[in-house]
Structures are given as structure tokens and as C-alpha cells.
Amino acid sequence: MTTERIERPDPPLTGGERETLRALLDYHRATLAMKCEGLSDEELRRQSMPPSTLSLLGLVRHMAEVERTWFRIVMNGENIPLVWSADNDYQVAYDASTATRSEAFAAWQAEVEHSRRIEQAAESLDVTAYMAKWEEDVSLRLVMLHMIHEYARHNGHADFLREGIDGTVGV
């Protein structure tokens, strides 16, 4: 269980495009961390309902894989495997039945830091990289928007998971 309070940044109401995207992405990253705040490893591993194996810890692991894929593999061109699957199976990350907060959060936070460095080093949101799955170039702008979307979707899942654990809503 953790007692650390998560600070969630307020996105600027009149900021520039890149500043706003960066802040919204960090807002959603912090929201996921807040959904997990104060829970034990056992509570974080608690699954939703059969047949789903979804858990808060599984979401954290999944988002580590998503950060790694979009920023390091796609945008930075790194030839690295996923954290939990050498076969690029994103579903493996959801299986958090033996996972711990410390290993999942360490991997996720490391990937977030890589992502931030890659984004900050890019000249502009118009920088592109080849996405093999789509056989197309994608821009950093699209990647950041996709990441915001991905976090927002999964934070909705995290809302329901957290409510089912201890009744906490609306974080």
C-alpha cells in the first residue's frame, strides 16, 4: 500500500498546441496513478468480472507497453521487445495475477520518462516516424493525441475498477 499523494497538473486553458497536449497527457497519466493510490498489491490485482482479467495493475502494465511502443519503438525507432511479451502480445500485460505495485509502477514510470524525453527532443509535433503496423508515417501530434485517447479510455475502466474495490469514485 502507498501513502504518496499524486499531484495532477491542470492543463492550460489558453496554452499553445504542444504545451496543451503535453499537459493533457500528463494529466491522464496522473489520473491513472491516482486511481491506484492507497491500494495494496492484492487490491490492485483484483479483477473486474469474468471473463475479463482486467485489473488496475494490469492497466498500469498495459500503459507501460503502450508508452514503450508509441514513443520508443515507433517515434524513436528503437528495436526493443515489449516489457512483458517478446511476441508483442499486449494482452500479456493485463495478466497481473502475480504482479506487484513496485514492478509495474517502476516499468510504467520508466517508460513515461523515456516518452517525455523523446517528445521534448523532437523539433515539432510534425516530426514523423514509420509505423510498421499501418505501413504509414505517423506524426508526433498523432501519437500524443492517441496516447491521450488511450489513457482517457483506460481511466474510465480504472474508475469502475476502483469503485468495485473500495467505493471510491470521481478522482
C-alpha atoms as a PDB file:
ATOM      1  CA  MET A   1       0.000   0.000   0.000  1.00  0.00           C
ATOM      2  CA  THR A   2       1.244   3.518  -0.754  1.00  0.00           C
ATOM      3  CA  THR A   3       0.647   6.754   1.117  1.00  0.00           C
ATOM      4  CA  GLU A   4       2.188   9.009  -1.528  1.00  0.00           C
ATOM      5  CA  ARG A   5      -0.187  11.719  -2.796  1.00  0.00           C
ATOM      6  CA  ILE A   6      -0.299  12.084  -6.556  1.00  0.00           C
ATOM      7  CA  GLU A   7      -0.273  15.614  -7.943  1.00  0.00           C
ATOM      8  CA  ARG A   8      -2.307  16.038 -11.108  1.00  0.00           C
ATOM      9  CA  PRO A   9      -1.344  19.002 -13.319  1.00  0.00           C
ATOM     10  CA  ASP A  10      -4.035  21.326 -14.614  1.00  0.00           C
ATOM     11  CA  PRO A  11      -3.832  21.670 -18.398  1.00  0.00           C
ATOM     12  CA  PRO A  12      -3.511  25.285 -19.563  1.00  0.00           C
ATOM     13  CA  LEU A  13      -6.747  26.874 -20.699  1.00  0.00           C
ATOM     14  CA  THR A  14      -5.063  29.049 -23.318  1.00  0.00           C
ATOM     15  CA  GLY A  15      -1.717  27.351 -23.959  1.00  0.00           C
ATOM     16  CA  GLY A  16      -0.140  26.510 -27.272  1.00  0.00           C
ATOM     17  CA  GLU A  17      -0.817  23.204 -29.000  1.00  0.00           C
ATOM     18  CA  ARG A  18       2.265  21.313 -27.810  1.00  0.00           C
ATOM     19  CA  GLU A  19       2.065  22.654 -24.274  1.00  0.00           C
ATOM     20  CA  THR A  20      -1.617  21.686 -24.106  1.00  0.00           C
ATOM     21  CA  LEU A  21      -1.072  18.170 -25.495  1.00  0.00           C
ATOM     22  CA  ARG A  22       1.845  17.595 -23.118  1.00  0.00           C
ATOM     23  CA  ALA A  23      -0.187  18.793 -20.121  1.00  0.00           C
ATOM     24  CA  LEU A  24      -3.270  16.741 -21.058  1.00  0.00           C
ATOM     25  CA  LEU A  25      -1.151  13.627 -21.443  1.00  0.00           C
ATOM     26  CA  ASP A  26       0.460  14.227 -18.040  1.00  0.00           C
ATOM     27  CA  TYR A  27      -2.995  14.897 -16.563  1.00  0.00           C
ATOM     28  CA  HIS A  28      -4.202  11.494 -17.742  1.00  0.00           C
ATOM     29  CA  ARG A  29      -1.014   9.756 -16.596  1.00  0.00           C
ATOM     30  CA  ALA A  30      -1.523  11.249 -13.135  1.00  0.00           C
ATOM     31  CA  THR A  31      -5.186  10.225 -13.176  1.00  0.00           C
ATOM     32  CA  LEU A  32      -4.234   6.567 -13.653  1.00  0.00           C
ATOM     33  CA  ALA A  33      -1.772   6.813 -10.764  1.00  0.00           C
ATOM     34  CA  MET A  34      -4.446   8.459  -8.596  1.00  0.00           C
ATOM     35  CA  LYS A  35      -6.873   5.608  -9.310  1.00  0.00           C
ATOM     36  CA  CYS A  36      -4.289   3.234  -7.817  1.00  0.00           C
ATOM     37  CA  GLU A  37      -3.377   5.437  -4.864  1.00  0.00           C
ATOM     38  CA  GLY A  38      -3.603   3.890  -1.415  1.00  0.00           C
ATOM     39  CA  LEU A  39      -4.341   0.332  -2.567  1.00  0.00           C
ATOM     40  CA  SER A  40      -2.450  -2.835  -1.668  1.00  0.00           C
ATOM     41  CA  ASP A  41      -0.936  -5.147  -4.278  1.00  0.00           C
ATOM     42  CA  GLU A  42      -3.822  -7.545  -3.702  1.00  0.00           C
ATOM     43  CA  GLU A  43      -6.402  -4.803  -4.312  1.00  0.00           C
ATOM     44  CA  LEU A  44      -4.541  -3.605  -7.409  1.00  0.00           C
ATOM     45  CA  ARG A  45      -4.615  -7.160  -8.794  1.00  0.00           C
ATOM     46  CA  ARG A  46      -8.361  -7.559  -8.183  1.00  0.00           C
ATOM     47  CA  GLN A  47     -10.046  -8.393 -11.492  1.00  0.00           C
ATOM     48  CA  SER A  48     -13.270  -6.865 -12.720  1.00  0.00           C
ATOM     49  CA  MET A  49     -15.688  -9.611 -13.699  1.00  0.00           C
ATOM     50  CA  PRO A  50     -15.324 -12.864 -15.609  1.00  0.00           C
ATOM     51  CA  PRO A  51     -14.281 -13.471 -18.252  1.00  0.00           C
ATOM     52  CA  SER A  52     -12.260 -10.228 -18.076  1.00  0.00           C
ATOM     53  CA  THR A  53      -8.903 -10.353 -16.327  1.00  0.00           C
ATOM     54  CA  LEU A  54      -8.697  -6.558 -16.234  1.00  0.00           C
ATOM     55  CA  SER A  55      -7.267  -5.038 -13.051  1.00  0.00           C
ATOM     56  CA  LEU A  56      -5.756  -1.698 -12.074  1.00  0.00           C
ATOM     57  CA  LEU A  57      -2.286  -3.232 -12.034  1.00  0.00           C
ATOM     58  CA  GLY A  58      -2.966  -4.761 -15.448  1.00  0.00           C
ATOM     59  CA  LEU A  59      -3.881  -1.300 -16.755  1.00  0.00           C
ATOM     60  CA  VAL A  60      -0.620   0.154 -15.414  1.00  0.00           C
ATOM     61  CA  ARG A  61       1.340  -2.650 -17.085  1.00  0.00           C
ATOM     62  CA  HIS A  62      -0.595  -2.193 -20.328  1.00  0.00           C
ATOM     63  CA  MET A  63       0.098   1.548 -20.370  1.00  0.00           C
ATOM     64  CA  ALA A  64       3.809   0.861 -19.872  1.00  0.00           C
ATOM     65  CA  GLU A  65       3.657  -1.226 -23.047  1.00  0.00           C
ATOM     66  CA  VAL A  66       1.700   1.457 -24.906  1.00  0.00           C
ATOM     67  CA  GLU A  67       4.156   4.210 -23.891  1.00  0.00           C
ATOM     68  CA  ARG A  68       7.067   1.978 -24.934  1.00  0.00           C
ATOM     69  CA  THR A  69       5.502   1.140 -28.278  1.00  0.00           C
ATOM     70  CA  TRP A  70       4.441   4.598 -29.428  1.00  0.00           C
ATOM     71  CA  PHE A  71       7.380   6.635 -28.191  1.00  0.00           C
ATOM     72  CA  ARG A  72      10.382   4.316 -28.110  1.00  0.00           C
ATOM     73  CA  ILE A  73       9.594   1.777 -30.834  1.00  0.00           C
ATOM     74  CA  VAL A  74       7.622   3.937 -33.281  1.00  0.00           C
ATOM     75  CA  MET A  75       8.835   7.512 -32.758  1.00  0.00           C
ATOM     76  CA  ASN A  76      12.399   6.747 -31.678  1.00  0.00           C
ATOM     77  CA  GLY A  77      12.911   3.680 -33.891  1.00  0.00           C
ATOM     78  CA  GLU A  78      14.259   1.510 -31.067  1.00  0.00           C
ATOM     79  CA  ASN A  79      14.411  -2.215 -31.796  1.00  0.00           C
ATOM     80  CA  ILE A  80      13.257  -3.465 -28.395  1.00  0.00           C
ATOM     81  CA  PRO A  81      10.651  -6.010 -27.262  1.00  0.00           C
ATOM     82  CA  LEU A  82       7.664  -5.200 -25.114  1.00  0.00           C
ATOM     83  CA  VAL A  83       8.279  -5.318 -21.366  1.00  0.00           C
ATOM     84  CA  TRP A  84       6.125  -8.396 -20.679  1.00  0.00           C
ATOM     85  CA  SER A  85       5.876 -10.098 -24.066  1.00  0.00           C
ATOM     86  CA  ALA A  86       8.564 -10.991 -26.566  1.00  0.00           C
ATOM     87  CA  ASP A  87       5.729 -11.823 -29.003  1.00  0.00           C
ATOM     88  CA  ASN A  88       4.139  -8.340 -29.000  1.00  0.00           C
ATOM     89  CA  ASP A  89       1.064  -9.657 -27.215  1.00  0.00           C
ATOM     90  CA  TYR A  90      -0.405  -6.694 -25.355  1.00  0.00           C
ATOM     91  CA  GLN A  91      -2.850  -8.969 -23.524  1.00  0.00           C
ATOM     92  CA  VAL A  92       0.022 -10.483 -21.523  1.00  0.00           C
ATOM     93  CA  ALA A  93       0.409  -7.189 -19.652  1.00  0.00           C
ATOM     94  CA  TYR A  94      -3.188  -7.382 -18.454  1.00  0.00           C
ATOM     95  CA  ASP A  95      -2.438 -10.581 -16.546  1.00  0.00           C
ATOM     96  CA  ALA A  96      -1.270  -9.032 -13.310  1.00  0.00           C
ATOM     97  CA  SER A  97      -2.126 -12.051 -11.145  1.00  0.00           C
ATOM     98  CA  THR A  98       1.413 -12.243  -9.767  1.00  0.00           C
ATOM     99  CA  ALA A  99       2.446  -8.634 -10.373  1.00  0.00           C
ATOM    100  CA  THR A 100       3.399  -6.143  -7.703  1.00  0.00           C
ATOM    101  CA  ARG A 101       2.884  -2.398  -7.497  1.00  0.00           C
ATOM    102  CA  SER A 102       6.627  -1.841  -7.337  1.00  0.00           C
ATOM    103  CA  GLU A 103       7.490  -3.742 -10.536  1.00  0.00           C
ATOM    104  CA  ALA A 104       4.521  -2.456 -12.535  1.00  0.00           C
ATOM    105  CA  PHE A 105       4.907   1.175 -11.497  1.00  0.00           C
ATOM    106  CA  ALA A 106       8.692   1.099 -11.930  1.00  0.00           C
ATOM    107  CA  ALA A 107       8.298  -0.143 -15.512  1.00  0.00           C
ATOM    108  CA  TRP A 108       5.485   2.309 -16.281  1.00  0.00           C
ATOM    109  CA  GLN A 109       7.298   5.317 -14.791  1.00  0.00           C
ATOM    110  CA  ALA A 110      10.496   4.404 -16.658  1.00  0.00           C
ATOM    111  CA  GLU A 111       8.560   4.285 -19.939  1.00  0.00           C
ATOM    112  CA  VAL A 112       6.834   7.597 -19.182  1.00  0.00           C
ATOM    113  CA  GLU A 113      10.243   9.219 -18.598  1.00  0.00           C
ATOM    114  CA  HIS A 114      11.536   7.821 -21.915  1.00  0.00           C
ATOM    115  CA  SER A 115       8.398   9.147 -23.625  1.00  0.00           C
ATOM    116  CA  ARG A 116       8.834  12.614 -22.147  1.00  0.00           C
ATOM    117  CA  ARG A 117      12.482  12.786 -23.262  1.00  0.00           C
ATOM    118  CA  ILE A 118      11.606  11.671 -26.796  1.00  0.00           C
ATOM    119  CA  GLU A 119       8.736  14.159 -27.075  1.00  0.00           C
ATOM    120  CA  GLN A 120      10.803  17.041 -25.694  1.00  0.00           C
ATOM    121  CA  ALA A 121      13.709  16.288 -28.026  1.00  0.00           C
ATOM    122  CA  ALA A 122      11.501  16.365 -31.133  1.00  0.00           C
ATOM    123  CA  GLU A 123      11.696  19.579 -33.155  1.00  0.00           C
ATOM    124  CA  SER A 124       7.944  19.837 -33.571  1.00  0.00           C
ATOM    125  CA  LEU A 125       4.683  17.952 -33.495  1.00  0.00           C
ATOM    126  CA  ASP A 126       5.108  17.470 -37.255  1.00  0.00           C
ATOM    127  CA  VAL A 127       8.046  15.073 -36.799  1.00  0.00           C
ATOM    128  CA  THR A 128       7.092  11.721 -38.316  1.00  0.00           C
ATOM    129  CA  ALA A 129       8.143   8.120 -37.927  1.00  0.00           C
ATOM    130  CA  TYR A 130       7.201   4.952 -39.748  1.00  0.00           C
ATOM    131  CA  MET A 131       4.503   2.806 -38.133  1.00  0.00           C
ATOM    132  CA  ALA A 132       5.072  -0.714 -39.490  1.00  0.00           C
ATOM    133  CA  LYS A 133       1.654  -1.993 -38.401  1.00  0.00           C
ATOM    134  CA  TRP A 134      -0.099   0.641 -40.524  1.00  0.00           C
ATOM    135  CA  GLU A 135       2.657   0.832 -43.158  1.00  0.00           C
ATOM    136  CA  GLU A 136       2.407   4.618 -42.900  1.00  0.00           C
ATOM    137  CA  ASP A 137       4.241   7.512 -41.324  1.00  0.00           C
ATOM    138  CA  VAL A 138       2.685   8.970 -38.184  1.00  0.00           C
ATOM    139  CA  SER A 139       3.332  12.356 -36.628  1.00  0.00           C
ATOM    140  CA  LEU A 140       4.263  13.084 -33.043  1.00  0.00           C
ATOM    141  CA  ARG A 141       0.982  15.031 -32.922  1.00  0.00           C
ATOM    142  CA  LEU A 142      -0.984  11.874 -33.753  1.00  0.00           C
ATOM    143  CA  VAL A 143       0.995   9.857 -31.201  1.00  0.00           C
ATOM    144  CA  MET A 144       0.300  12.352 -28.432  1.00  0.00           C
ATOM    145  CA  LEU A 145      -3.392  12.529 -29.326  1.00  0.00           C
ATOM    146  CA  HIS A 146      -3.567   8.742 -29.452  1.00  0.00           C
ATOM    147  CA  MET A 147      -1.910   8.493 -26.037  1.00  0.00           C
ATOM    148  CA  ILE A 148      -4.400  10.961 -24.542  1.00  0.00           C
ATOM    149  CA  HIS A 149      -7.225   8.891 -26.028  1.00  0.00           C
ATOM    150  CA  GLU A 150      -5.716   5.628 -24.761  1.00  0.00           C
ATOM    151  CA  TYR A 151      -5.315   6.951 -21.219  1.00  0.00           C
ATOM    152  CA  ALA A 152      -8.795   8.500 -21.193  1.00  0.00           C
ATOM    153  CA  ARG A 153     -10.375   5.187 -22.245  1.00  0.00           C
ATOM    154  CA  HIS A 154      -8.458   3.186 -19.688  1.00  0.00           C
ATOM    155  CA  ASN A 155      -9.015   5.752 -16.956  1.00  0.00           C
ATOM    156  CA  GLY A 156     -12.726   5.116 -17.482  1.00  0.00           C
ATOM    157  CA  HIS A 157     -12.045   1.428 -16.878  1.00  0.00           C
ATOM    158  CA  ALA A 158      -9.992   2.388 -13.822  1.00  0.00           C
ATOM    159  CA  ASP A 159     -12.980   4.366 -12.454  1.00  0.00           C
ATOM    160  CA  PHE A 160     -15.114   1.225 -12.405  1.00  0.00           C
ATOM    161  CA  LEU A 161     -12.326  -0.990 -11.086  1.00  0.00           C
ATOM    162  CA  ARG A 162     -11.568   1.393  -8.207  1.00  0.00           C
ATOM    163  CA  GLU A 163     -15.234   1.774  -7.314  1.00  0.00           C
ATOM    164  CA  GLY A 164     -15.545  -2.015  -7.173  1.00  0.00           C
ATOM    165  CA  ILE A 165     -12.575  -2.255  -4.792  1.00  0.00           C
ATOM    166  CA  ASP A 166     -13.448   0.345  -2.166  1.00  0.00           C
ATOM    167  CA  GLY A 167     -16.271   2.544  -3.457  1.00  0.00           C
ATOM    168  CA  THR A 168     -14.001   5.473  -4.357  1.00  0.00           C
ATOM    169  CA  VAL A 169     -15.403   7.454  -7.283  1.00  0.00           C
ATOM    170  CA  GLY A 170     -14.661  10.660  -9.137  1.00  0.00           C
ATOM    171  CA  VAL A 171     -10.909  11.010  -8.686  1.00  0.00           C
END
